[in-house]
C-alpha cells in the first residue's frame, strides 16, 4: 500500500502498449485473464467506452460466484484505463501504460473509498493484482506465439 487507501502494483511487460490495451478492449481476451489465478469470468455486459458499463461474474475455483459491476470512467487508447468498481468493495482502478524499451511499464493503482476497506482487502487484493498481470502476460504470449 502506498497510503492508507491505495494499493499499487507496477511491472514492465514485454508487450507494446497497443497489445496490452487491446487485451482490455477485447471482452474475449479480458475474460481469459481477469482476476486471480483459477478464476473464470462470465460477462453479461461489456461497453468499452467512457461511461460504459461492465457487468460480470467472477467464478472462484471453489464454486463461489462474485457479481461485479463497474464503469469505464476514462479510456485513453494505449495509455490509460480508469475503471470504477461500483459494488462493494468500491474502488477506482487506474491502469497506466507507458512504452519502455521493447515493452510497456504497467502501473496498477487501486484507490478504495476508505482506509478500512483498503485494509480489509489488502491481503487478498495485493496478490490478486500481481496474478492479474501474470495472467495477462500468459494470454498475450499465447496470442503472440500460438501453438
Protein backbone atom coordinates (compact mmCIF):
# COMPACT_ATOMS: atom_id res chain seq x y z
CA UNK A 1 0.00 0.00 0.00
CA UNK A 2 1.30 3.44 -0.85
CA UNK A 3 -1.04 5.17 1.60
CA UNK A 4 -3.98 4.17 3.76
CA UNK A 5 -6.38 3.79 0.80
CA UNK A 6 -4.20 2.85 -2.17
CA UNK A 7 -2.77 -0.43 -3.44
CA UNK A 8 -0.09 -0.06 -6.09
CA UNK A 9 1.49 -2.61 -8.41
CA UNK A 10 3.89 -1.94 -11.25
CA UNK A 11 5.67 -4.13 -13.71
CA UNK A 12 7.30 -3.88 -17.12
CA UNK A 13 5.80 -6.38 -19.56
CA UNK A 14 7.39 -7.42 -22.88
CA UNK A 15 4.45 -6.18 -24.97
CA UNK A 16 3.57 -2.91 -26.64
CA UNK A 17 1.04 -0.53 -25.10
CA UNK A 18 -1.22 -1.39 -28.05
CA UNK A 19 -1.13 -5.11 -27.26
CA UNK A 20 -1.90 -4.54 -23.59
CA UNK A 21 -4.68 -2.03 -24.28
CA UNK A 22 -6.20 -4.50 -26.76
CA UNK A 23 -6.27 -7.16 -24.02
CA UNK A 24 -8.55 -4.83 -22.06
CA UNK A 25 -10.63 -3.72 -25.05
CA UNK A 26 -11.46 -7.27 -26.18
CA UNK A 27 -14.10 -8.88 -23.97
CA UNK A 28 -12.93 -12.33 -25.12
CA UNK A 29 -9.32 -11.69 -24.12
CA UNK A 30 -10.23 -9.87 -20.90
CA UNK A 31 -12.46 -12.74 -19.80
CA UNK A 32 -9.48 -15.10 -20.18
CA UNK A 33 -7.13 -13.26 -17.85
CA UNK A 34 -9.14 -11.03 -15.49
CA UNK A 35 -8.96 -11.97 -11.83
CA UNK A 36 -6.77 -14.08 -9.59
CA UNK A 37 -5.35 -17.46 -10.56
CA UNK A 38 -8.01 -20.12 -11.06
CA UNK A 39 -10.90 -17.70 -11.57
CA UNK A 40 -13.06 -17.63 -14.69
CA UNK A 41 -15.47 -14.94 -15.87
CA UNK A 42 -18.89 -14.61 -17.44
CA UNK A 43 -19.52 -11.18 -18.95
CA UNK A 44 -23.13 -10.03 -19.09
CA UNK A 45 -22.44 -6.50 -20.37
CA UNK A 46 -19.20 -5.05 -21.73
CA UNK A 47 -19.37 -1.47 -23.01
CA UNK A 48 -15.74 -0.49 -23.55
CA UNK A 49 -16.15 3.25 -23.93
CA UNK A 50 -16.01 6.16 -21.47
CA UNK A 51 -19.09 5.88 -19.27
CA UNK A 52 -19.73 2.31 -20.43
CA UNK A 53 -20.74 -0.39 -18.01
CA UNK A 54 -19.09 -3.70 -17.33
CA UNK A 55 -21.25 -6.31 -15.61
CA UNK A 56 -19.79 -9.73 -14.99
CA UNK A 57 -19.49 -12.66 -12.62
CA UNK A 58 -16.15 -13.97 -11.42
CA UNK A 59 -16.26 -17.70 -10.69
CA UNK A 60 -13.84 -18.82 -7.98
CA UNK A 61 -12.19 -22.25 -8.10
CA UNK A 62 -14.27 -23.29 -5.05
CA UNK A 63 -17.51 -22.59 -6.98
CA UNK A 64 -18.30 -19.25 -5.33
CA UNK A 65 -19.64 -16.60 -7.71
CA UNK A 66 -18.80 -12.93 -7.27
CA UNK A 67 -21.07 -10.46 -9.07
CA UNK A 68 -19.28 -7.31 -10.25
CA UNK A 69 -20.48 -4.04 -11.71
CA UNK A 70 -18.04 -1.42 -12.95
CA UNK A 71 -17.94 1.70 -15.10
CA UNK A 72 -15.21 2.58 -17.58
CA UNK A 73 -14.58 6.15 -16.47
CA UNK A 74 -11.75 7.10 -18.78
CA UNK A 75 -10.09 5.37 -21.72
CA UNK A 76 -7.02 6.77 -23.43
CA UNK A 77 -6.02 4.26 -26.10
CA UNK A 78 -2.65 2.66 -25.42
CA UNK A 79 -2.04 4.89 -22.40
CA UNK A 80 -4.62 4.84 -19.60
CA UNK A 81 -7.68 2.92 -18.40
CA UNK A 82 -9.76 4.05 -15.42
CA UNK A 83 -12.39 1.67 -14.05
CA UNK A 84 -14.70 2.41 -11.14
CA UNK A 85 -15.83 -0.71 -9.29
CA UNK A 86 -19.41 0.28 -8.44
CA UNK A 87 -20.24 -2.53 -6.00
CA UNK A 88 -18.58 -3.39 -2.69
CA UNK A 89 -15.73 -3.03 -2.19
CA UNK A 90 -15.85 0.24 -4.10
CA UNK A 91 -12.61 1.44 -5.65
CA UNK A 92 -11.15 3.23 -8.66
CA UNK A 93 -8.57 1.28 -10.65
CA UNK A 94 -6.21 3.22 -12.87
CA UNK A 95 -4.04 1.25 -15.27
CA UNK A 96 -1.24 3.28 -16.83
CA UNK A 97 0.65 2.10 -19.91
CA UNK A 98 3.97 3.69 -20.85
CA UNK A 99 6.27 2.40 -23.57
CA UNK A 100 9.62 1.43 -22.13
CA UNK A 101 12.30 -0.07 -24.34
CA UNK A 102 10.73 -3.04 -26.13
CA UNK A 103 7.95 -3.34 -23.59
CA UNK A 104 5.47 -1.38 -21.52
CA UNK A 105 5.66 -0.23 -17.94
CA UNK A 106 2.26 -1.02 -16.43
CA UNK A 107 1.08 0.74 -13.30
CA UNK A 108 -1.96 -0.63 -11.46
CA UNK A 109 -3.29 1.82 -8.88
CA UNK A 110 -6.34 0.81 -6.85
CA UNK A 111 -7.83 3.51 -4.61
CA UNK A 112 -10.51 2.40 -2.16
CA UNK A 113 -13.29 4.55 -0.77
CA UNK A 114 -11.85 4.45 2.75
CA UNK A 115 -8.96 3.16 4.84
CA UNK A 116 -10.99 0.41 6.50
CA UNK A 117 -11.96 -1.14 3.17
CA UNK A 118 -8.40 -0.93 1.84
CA UNK A 119 -7.01 -2.64 4.92
CA UNK A 120 -9.70 -5.33 4.82
CA UNK A 121 -8.94 -6.34 1.23
CA UNK A 122 -5.18 -5.66 1.13
CA UNK A 123 -4.19 -9.28 1.92
CA UNK A 124 -6.33 -10.57 -0.94
CA UNK A 125 -6.15 -7.72 -3.47
CA UNK A 126 -2.37 -7.21 -3.44
CA UNK A 127 -1.54 -10.76 -4.58
CA UNK A 128 -4.61 -10.80 -6.86
CA UNK A 129 -3.34 -7.72 -8.72
CA UNK A 130 0.01 -9.45 -9.30
CA UNK A 131 -1.82 -12.57 -10.51
CA UNK A 132 -3.84 -10.42 -12.94
CA UNK A 133 -0.59 -9.24 -14.51
CA UNK A 134 0.75 -12.82 -14.60
CA UNK A 135 -2.41 -13.99 -16.38
CA UNK A 136 -2.32 -11.02 -18.78
CA UNK A 137 1.27 -11.92 -19.67
CA UNK A 138 0.34 -15.54 -20.42
CA UNK A 139 -2.64 -14.56 -22.60
CA UNK A 140 -0.55 -12.09 -24.61
CA UNK A 141 2.27 -14.64 -25.00
CA UNK A 142 -0.26 -17.16 -26.34
CA UNK A 143 -1.66 -14.56 -28.74
CA UNK A 144 1.84 -13.72 -29.96
CA UNK A 145 3.08 -17.31 -30.18
CA UNK A 146 0.06 -19.55 -30.82
CA UNK A 147 0.66 -23.27 -30.57
